[in-house]
Amino acid sequence: MVHPVLDEAVALDRTSDNYRFSAAVAEFGMLLRDSSFKDTA
């Protein structure tokens, strides 16, 4: 069975509080580890 997952951009202000919190935690972890994926965080 194959089910494609489509990429739909959603503005950050239209996401849930839980999503924004988890994104902030992930970004903070990248900053702590000086990840090459942190971009301009």
N, C-alpha and C. Protein backbone atom coordinates (compact mmCIF):
# COMPACT_ATOMS: atom_id res chain seq x y z
N MET A 1 0.84 -1.16 0.00
CA MET A 1 0.00 0.00 0.00
C MET A 1 0.90 1.24 0.00
N VAL A 2 0.57 2.18 -0.82
CA VAL A 2 1.34 3.42 -0.91
C VAL A 2 0.39 4.58 -0.66
N HIS A 3 0.82 5.48 0.20
CA HIS A 3 0.02 6.67 0.49
C HIS A 3 0.96 7.88 0.49
N PRO A 4 0.87 8.74 -0.51
CA PRO A 4 1.78 9.89 -0.56
C PRO A 4 1.44 10.91 0.54
N VAL A 5 2.46 11.53 1.07
CA VAL A 5 2.29 12.59 2.06
C VAL A 5 2.64 13.90 1.38
N LEU A 6 1.66 14.76 1.27
CA LEU A 6 1.85 16.03 0.59
C LEU A 6 2.35 17.09 1.56
N ASP A 7 3.28 17.90 1.08
CA ASP A 7 3.82 18.98 1.89
C ASP A 7 2.93 20.21 1.74
N GLU A 8 2.29 20.58 2.83
CA GLU A 8 1.44 21.76 2.83
C GLU A 8 1.98 22.76 3.83
N ALA A 9 2.51 23.86 3.35
CA ALA A 9 3.06 24.88 4.24
C ALA A 9 1.93 25.53 5.03
N VAL A 10 2.15 25.64 6.34
CA VAL A 10 1.18 26.26 7.24
C VAL A 10 1.91 27.36 8.00
N ALA A 11 1.31 28.53 8.05
CA ALA A 11 1.91 29.63 8.81
C ALA A 11 2.02 29.25 10.28
N LEU A 12 3.10 29.67 10.93
CA LEU A 12 3.34 29.29 12.32
C LEU A 12 2.22 29.78 13.23
N ASP A 13 1.63 30.92 12.95
CA ASP A 13 0.56 31.43 13.82
C ASP A 13 -0.75 30.65 13.66
N ARG A 14 -0.81 29.75 12.69
CA ARG A 14 -2.01 28.91 12.50
C ARG A 14 -1.81 27.51 13.06
N THR A 15 -0.69 27.26 13.74
CA THR A 15 -0.44 25.95 14.33
C THR A 15 -0.88 25.94 15.79
N SER A 16 -0.94 24.76 16.37
CA SER A 16 -1.37 24.63 17.76
C SER A 16 -0.26 25.03 18.73
N ASP A 17 -0.66 25.29 19.97
CA ASP A 17 0.32 25.62 21.01
C ASP A 17 1.30 24.47 21.21
N ASN A 18 0.80 23.24 21.16
CA ASN A 18 1.66 22.07 21.33
C ASN A 18 2.71 21.98 20.23
N TYR A 19 2.31 22.27 19.00
CA TYR A 19 3.26 22.22 17.88
C TYR A 19 4.34 23.29 18.05
N ARG A 20 3.94 24.51 18.41
CA ARG A 20 4.92 25.58 18.58
C ARG A 20 5.87 25.28 19.73
N PHE A 21 5.35 24.69 20.80
CA PHE A 21 6.21 24.33 21.93
C PHE A 21 7.24 23.28 21.52
N SER A 22 6.78 22.24 20.82
CA SER A 22 7.71 21.18 20.42
C SER A 22 8.74 21.70 19.42
N ALA A 23 8.34 22.62 18.55
CA ALA A 23 9.30 23.22 17.61
C ALA A 23 10.34 24.04 18.35
N ALA A 24 9.92 24.77 19.39
CA ALA A 24 10.85 25.56 20.18
C ALA A 24 11.84 24.67 20.93
N VAL A 25 11.36 23.56 21.47
CA VAL A 25 12.23 22.63 22.19
C VAL A 25 13.27 22.04 21.23
N ALA A 26 12.82 21.66 20.05
CA ALA A 26 13.75 21.09 19.05
C ALA A 26 14.78 22.13 18.63
N GLU A 27 14.35 23.35 18.42
CA GLU A 27 15.27 24.41 18.01
C GLU A 27 16.28 24.72 19.11
N PHE A 28 15.83 24.74 20.36
CA PHE A 28 16.73 24.98 21.47
C PHE A 28 17.78 23.87 21.58
N GLY A 29 17.36 22.63 21.35
CA GLY A 29 18.31 21.52 21.36
C GLY A 29 19.36 21.66 20.27
N MET A 30 18.95 22.13 19.10
CA MET A 30 19.92 22.34 18.02
C MET A 30 20.90 23.45 18.39
N LEU A 31 20.42 24.48 19.07
CA LEU A 31 21.32 25.55 19.51
C LEU A 31 22.32 25.04 20.55
N LEU A 32 21.86 24.22 21.48
CA LEU A 32 22.74 23.69 22.51
C LEU A 32 23.84 22.82 21.92
N ARG A 33 23.51 22.06 20.89
CA ARG A 33 24.48 21.17 20.27
C ARG A 33 25.26 21.84 19.15
N ASP A 34 24.96 23.12 18.86
CA ASP A 34 25.57 23.85 17.75
C ASP A 34 25.43 23.06 16.45
N SER A 35 24.21 22.63 16.19
CA SER A 35 23.90 21.81 15.03
C SER A 35 24.09 22.60 13.74
N SER A 36 24.51 21.92 12.71
CA SER A 36 24.65 22.57 11.40
C SER A 36 23.29 22.84 10.77
N PHE A 37 22.22 22.29 11.34
CA PHE A 37 20.86 22.47 10.83
C PHE A 37 20.12 23.63 11.49
N LYS A 38 20.79 24.35 12.41
CA LYS A 38 20.10 25.41 13.15
C LYS A 38 19.85 26.65 12.32
N ASP A 39 20.53 26.79 11.21
CA ASP A 39 20.36 27.91 10.29
C ASP A 39 20.53 29.23 11.03
N THR A 40 19.51 30.05 11.08
CA THR A 40 19.63 31.38 11.72
C THR A 40 18.89 31.44 13.05
N ALA A 41 18.76 30.30 13.71
CA ALA A 41 18.02 30.24 14.98
C ALA A 41 18.73 31.09 16.03
